């Protein structure tokens, strides 16, 4: 395979992964918009009640244990409904207790 073909394939692969990542982030944003009744940018346990799968894994997704799910926490967890396991691993975000 010629060098230019390899470079093109690599660039195409990167673009595809980025498109998938953006689509995944949009899906999580849609879930956030759907469940975030008070529009504070976070999903509380009370708001998560309408999504059984999210409610079931709420405590595992809530990395900083503040009782609220942020978009970052939802993207970082493979347990979030609609998250692709590979993308969740790639999008792992460290959330410290001070990030509130």
N, C-alpha and C. Protein backbone atom coordinates (compact mmCIF):
# COMPACT_ATOMS: atom_id res chain seq x y z
N UNK A 1 0.84 -1.17 0.00
CA UNK A 1 0.00 0.00 0.00
C UNK A 1 0.89 1.24 0.00
N UNK A 2 0.54 2.18 -0.82
CA UNK A 2 1.33 3.39 -0.91
C UNK A 2 1.17 4.22 0.36
N UNK A 3 2.18 5.01 0.63
CA UNK A 3 2.18 5.82 1.84
C UNK A 3 1.00 6.78 1.88
N UNK A 4 0.66 7.40 0.78
CA UNK A 4 -0.44 8.36 0.75
C UNK A 4 -1.78 7.67 1.04
N UNK A 5 -1.91 6.43 0.60
CA UNK A 5 -3.13 5.67 0.88
C UNK A 5 -3.24 5.37 2.37
N UNK A 6 -2.11 5.04 2.99
CA UNK A 6 -2.11 4.79 4.43
C UNK A 6 -2.50 6.04 5.20
N UNK A 7 -1.93 7.17 4.82
CA UNK A 7 -2.24 8.44 5.48
C UNK A 7 -3.72 8.76 5.31
N UNK A 8 -4.24 8.56 4.11
CA UNK A 8 -5.66 8.82 3.84
C UNK A 8 -6.53 7.91 4.70
N UNK A 9 -6.19 6.64 4.80
CA UNK A 9 -6.97 5.71 5.62
C UNK A 9 -6.95 6.10 7.10
N UNK A 10 -5.81 6.53 7.58
CA UNK A 10 -5.70 6.96 8.98
C UNK A 10 -6.57 8.19 9.22
N UNK A 11 -6.49 9.16 8.31
CA UNK A 11 -7.30 10.37 8.45
C UNK A 11 -8.79 10.06 8.38
N UNK A 12 -9.16 9.16 7.49
CA UNK A 12 -10.55 8.75 7.37
C UNK A 12 -11.03 8.06 8.64
N UNK A 13 -10.19 7.23 9.22
CA UNK A 13 -10.53 6.54 10.46
C UNK A 13 -10.71 7.53 11.61
N UNK A 14 -9.83 8.50 11.70
CA UNK A 14 -9.93 9.52 12.74
C UNK A 14 -11.21 10.32 12.58
N UNK A 15 -11.53 10.69 11.35
CA UNK A 15 -12.77 11.44 11.10
C UNK A 15 -14.00 10.62 11.48
N UNK A 16 -13.98 9.33 11.18
CA UNK A 16 -15.11 8.46 11.52
C UNK A 16 -15.27 8.35 13.03
N UNK A 17 -14.17 8.16 13.76
CA UNK A 17 -14.23 8.08 15.22
C UNK A 17 -14.72 9.38 15.83
N UNK A 18 -14.29 10.49 15.27
CA UNK A 18 -14.74 11.78 15.77
C UNK A 18 -16.23 11.96 15.52
N UNK A 19 -16.71 11.56 14.36
CA UNK A 19 -18.14 11.66 14.05
C UNK A 19 -18.96 10.80 15.01
N UNK A 20 -18.48 9.61 15.30
CA UNK A 20 -19.19 8.73 16.24
C UNK A 20 -19.20 9.35 17.63
N UNK A 21 -18.08 9.93 18.03
CA UNK A 21 -17.98 10.56 19.34
C UNK A 21 -18.95 11.74 19.45
N UNK A 22 -19.04 12.55 18.42
CA UNK A 22 -19.96 13.68 18.40
C UNK A 22 -21.40 13.19 18.45
N UNK A 23 -21.71 12.14 17.71
CA UNK A 23 -23.06 11.58 17.73
C UNK A 23 -23.40 11.06 19.11
N UNK A 24 -22.45 10.43 19.77
CA UNK A 24 -22.67 9.92 21.12
C UNK A 24 -22.90 11.07 22.10
N UNK A 25 -22.12 12.12 21.98
CA UNK A 25 -22.29 13.28 22.86
C UNK A 25 -23.65 13.92 22.63
N UNK A 26 -24.10 13.98 21.38
CA UNK A 26 -25.42 14.52 21.08
C UNK A 26 -26.51 13.66 21.69
N UNK A 27 -26.34 12.34 21.65
CA UNK A 27 -27.33 11.44 22.24
C UNK A 27 -27.41 11.68 23.74
N UNK A 28 -26.27 11.88 24.41
CA UNK A 28 -26.29 12.14 25.84
C UNK A 28 -26.91 13.50 26.14
N UNK A 29 -26.66 14.47 25.27
CA UNK A 29 -27.27 15.79 25.44
C UNK A 29 -28.78 15.67 25.29
N UNK A 30 -29.24 14.87 24.33
CA UNK A 30 -30.67 14.65 24.15
C UNK A 30 -31.28 14.01 25.39
N UNK A 31 -30.59 13.02 25.96
CA UNK A 31 -31.06 12.37 27.18
C UNK A 31 -31.10 13.39 28.32
N UNK A 32 -30.09 14.24 28.40
CA UNK A 32 -30.05 15.28 29.42
C UNK A 32 -31.24 16.23 29.25
N UNK A 33 -31.49 16.67 28.03
CA UNK A 33 -32.59 17.59 27.77
C UNK A 33 -33.94 16.94 28.09
N UNK A 34 -34.06 15.66 27.79
CA UNK A 34 -35.30 14.93 28.03
C UNK A 34 -35.59 14.79 29.52
N UNK A 35 -34.56 14.52 30.32
CA UNK A 35 -34.76 14.21 31.74
C UNK A 35 -34.57 15.40 32.68
N UNK A 36 -33.83 16.41 32.26
CA UNK A 36 -33.49 17.54 33.13
C UNK A 36 -34.68 18.50 33.25
N UNK A 37 -35.63 18.17 34.11
CA UNK A 37 -36.87 18.95 34.24
C UNK A 37 -36.63 20.37 34.72
N UNK A 38 -35.68 20.58 35.63
CA UNK A 38 -35.44 21.92 36.17
C UNK A 38 -34.40 22.71 35.38
N UNK A 39 -33.89 22.11 34.28
CA UNK A 39 -32.95 22.77 33.36
C UNK A 39 -31.71 23.32 34.06
N UNK A 40 -31.17 22.56 35.02
CA UNK A 40 -29.95 23.01 35.70
C UNK A 40 -28.69 22.36 35.14
N UNK A 41 -28.84 21.55 34.09
CA UNK A 41 -27.69 20.90 33.47
C UNK A 41 -27.25 19.64 34.18
N UNK A 42 -28.02 19.19 35.15
CA UNK A 42 -27.72 17.99 35.91
C UNK A 42 -28.98 17.15 36.05
N UNK A 43 -28.80 15.84 36.17
CA UNK A 43 -29.93 14.95 36.38
C UNK A 43 -29.90 14.44 37.81
N UNK A 44 -30.95 14.76 38.54
CA UNK A 44 -31.06 14.28 39.91
C UNK A 44 -31.68 12.88 39.90
N UNK A 45 -31.65 12.23 41.03
CA UNK A 45 -32.26 10.91 41.16
C UNK A 45 -33.75 10.99 40.86
N UNK A 46 -34.39 12.05 41.30
CA UNK A 46 -35.82 12.26 41.05
C UNK A 46 -36.11 12.38 39.56
N UNK A 47 -35.23 13.07 38.83
CA UNK A 47 -35.41 13.23 37.39
C UNK A 47 -35.11 11.94 36.64
N UNK A 48 -34.22 11.11 37.17
CA UNK A 48 -33.82 9.87 36.51
C UNK A 48 -34.88 8.78 36.60
N UNK A 49 -35.88 8.98 37.44
CA UNK A 49 -36.91 7.96 37.66
C UNK A 49 -37.61 7.55 36.36
N UNK A 50 -37.73 8.46 35.41
CA UNK A 50 -38.45 8.14 34.18
C UNK A 50 -37.63 7.29 33.20
N UNK A 51 -36.37 7.05 33.48
CA UNK A 51 -35.54 6.19 32.63
C UNK A 51 -35.01 5.04 33.48
N UNK A 52 -35.63 3.87 33.35
CA UNK A 52 -35.33 2.72 34.20
C UNK A 52 -33.86 2.33 34.15
N UNK A 53 -33.28 2.28 32.95
CA UNK A 53 -31.88 1.85 32.83
C UNK A 53 -30.93 2.85 33.50
N UNK A 54 -31.19 4.14 33.32
CA UNK A 54 -30.36 5.16 33.96
C UNK A 54 -30.53 5.09 35.48
N UNK A 55 -31.76 4.93 35.93
CA UNK A 55 -32.03 4.84 37.36
C UNK A 55 -31.33 3.64 37.99
N UNK A 56 -31.34 2.52 37.29
CA UNK A 56 -30.72 1.29 37.80
C UNK A 56 -29.22 1.49 38.05
N UNK A 57 -28.56 2.27 37.20
CA UNK A 57 -27.10 2.45 37.30
C UNK A 57 -26.69 3.82 37.83
N UNK A 58 -27.64 4.57 38.35
CA UNK A 58 -27.39 5.95 38.77
C UNK A 58 -26.17 6.07 39.69
N UNK A 59 -26.13 5.25 40.74
CA UNK A 59 -25.03 5.33 41.71
C UNK A 59 -23.68 4.98 41.12
N UNK A 60 -23.66 4.11 40.10
CA UNK A 60 -22.40 3.73 39.47
C UNK A 60 -21.92 4.80 38.48
N UNK A 61 -22.86 5.49 37.86
CA UNK A 61 -22.52 6.55 36.90
C UNK A 61 -22.06 7.81 37.64
N UNK A 62 -22.65 8.08 38.79
CA UNK A 62 -22.34 9.27 39.59
C UNK A 62 -20.96 9.14 40.24
N UNK A 63 -19.93 9.50 39.51
CA UNK A 63 -18.54 9.31 39.95
C UNK A 63 -18.16 10.15 41.17
N UNK A 64 -18.67 11.37 41.26
CA UNK A 64 -18.28 12.22 42.39
C UNK A 64 -19.26 12.09 43.56
N UNK A 65 -20.21 11.20 43.43
CA UNK A 65 -21.16 10.87 44.50
C UNK A 65 -21.85 12.09 45.09
N UNK A 66 -22.25 13.03 44.21
CA UNK A 66 -22.97 14.21 44.68
C UNK A 66 -24.48 14.07 44.51
N UNK A 67 -24.93 12.91 44.02
CA UNK A 67 -26.36 12.68 43.84
C UNK A 67 -26.90 13.31 42.58
N UNK A 68 -26.03 13.77 41.70
CA UNK A 68 -26.41 14.40 40.44
C UNK A 68 -25.54 13.85 39.32
N UNK A 69 -26.13 13.72 38.14
CA UNK A 69 -25.36 13.27 36.97
C UNK A 69 -25.13 14.44 36.04
N UNK A 70 -23.87 14.66 35.70
CA UNK A 70 -23.52 15.69 34.72
C UNK A 70 -23.35 15.01 33.36
N UNK A 71 -23.31 15.80 32.30
CA UNK A 71 -23.08 15.25 30.96
C UNK A 71 -21.74 14.53 30.93
N UNK A 72 -20.73 15.09 31.59
CA UNK A 72 -19.41 14.48 31.61
C UNK A 72 -19.44 13.10 32.25
N UNK A 73 -20.16 12.97 33.36
CA UNK A 73 -20.26 11.67 34.02
C UNK A 73 -21.01 10.67 33.14
N UNK A 74 -22.03 11.14 32.46
CA UNK A 74 -22.81 10.25 31.60
C UNK A 74 -21.97 9.78 30.40
N UNK A 75 -21.18 10.68 29.83
CA UNK A 75 -20.32 10.31 28.71
C UNK A 75 -19.22 9.36 29.14
N UNK A 76 -18.73 9.53 30.36
CA UNK A 76 -17.61 8.73 30.83
C UNK A 76 -18.00 7.30 31.18
N UNK A 77 -19.28 7.07 31.41
CA UNK A 77 -19.70 5.75 31.88
C UNK A 77 -20.27 4.89 30.76
N UNK A 78 -19.82 3.65 30.71
CA UNK A 78 -20.38 2.71 29.75
C UNK A 78 -21.75 2.22 30.20
N UNK A 79 -22.16 2.56 31.41
CA UNK A 79 -23.47 2.15 31.93
C UNK A 79 -24.59 3.11 31.55
N UNK A 80 -24.24 4.26 31.00
CA UNK A 80 -25.24 5.23 30.58
C UNK A 80 -26.00 4.68 29.37
N UNK A 81 -27.34 4.74 29.40
CA UNK A 81 -28.12 4.26 28.26
C UNK A 81 -27.68 4.94 26.96
N UNK A 82 -27.43 4.13 25.94
CA UNK A 82 -27.02 4.65 24.64
C UNK A 82 -25.54 4.85 24.47
N UNK A 83 -24.75 4.67 25.52
CA UNK A 83 -23.30 4.82 25.41
C UNK A 83 -22.70 3.56 24.80
N UNK A 84 -21.85 3.73 23.81
CA UNK A 84 -21.10 2.63 23.23
C UNK A 84 -19.91 2.36 24.15
N UNK A 85 -19.70 1.12 24.52
CA UNK A 85 -18.63 0.78 25.47
C UNK A 85 -17.28 1.32 25.07
N UNK A 86 -16.92 1.23 23.78
CA UNK A 86 -15.61 1.72 23.33
C UNK A 86 -15.51 3.23 23.48
N UNK A 87 -16.60 3.94 23.16
CA UNK A 87 -16.57 5.39 23.27
C UNK A 87 -16.51 5.83 24.72
N UNK A 88 -17.20 5.12 25.59
CA UNK A 88 -17.16 5.47 27.01
C UNK A 88 -15.74 5.34 27.53
N UNK A 89 -15.04 4.30 27.10
CA UNK A 89 -13.66 4.11 27.53
C UNK A 89 -12.78 5.25 27.01
N UNK A 90 -13.03 5.69 25.77
CA UNK A 90 -12.24 6.78 25.19
C UNK A 90 -12.57 8.12 25.82
N UNK A 91 -13.82 8.29 26.26
CA UNK A 91 -14.27 9.57 26.79
C UNK A 91 -14.21 9.65 28.30
N UNK A 92 -13.44 8.79 28.93
CA UNK A 92 -13.37 8.79 30.37
C UNK A 92 -12.89 10.15 30.86
N UNK A 93 -13.68 10.72 31.75
CA UNK A 93 -13.40 12.04 32.28
C UNK A 93 -13.25 11.92 33.78
N UNK A 94 -12.15 12.43 34.30
CA UNK A 94 -11.95 12.43 35.73
C UNK A 94 -12.78 13.56 36.32
N UNK A 95 -13.66 13.25 37.26
CA UNK A 95 -14.49 14.25 37.90
C UNK A 95 -14.12 14.28 39.37
N UNK A 96 -13.65 15.43 39.81
CA UNK A 96 -13.28 15.54 41.22
C UNK A 96 -14.46 16.10 42.00
N UNK A 97 -14.52 15.86 43.30
CA UNK A 97 -15.63 16.37 44.12
C UNK A 97 -15.74 17.88 44.10
N UNK A 98 -14.69 18.58 43.72
CA UNK A 98 -14.73 20.05 43.67
C UNK A 98 -15.36 20.57 42.40
N UNK A 99 -15.68 19.72 41.42
CA UNK A 99 -16.27 20.14 40.15
C UNK A 99 -17.78 20.24 40.27
N UNK A 100 -18.29 21.15 41.02
CA UNK A 100 -19.73 21.28 41.19
C UNK A 100 -20.22 22.61 40.74
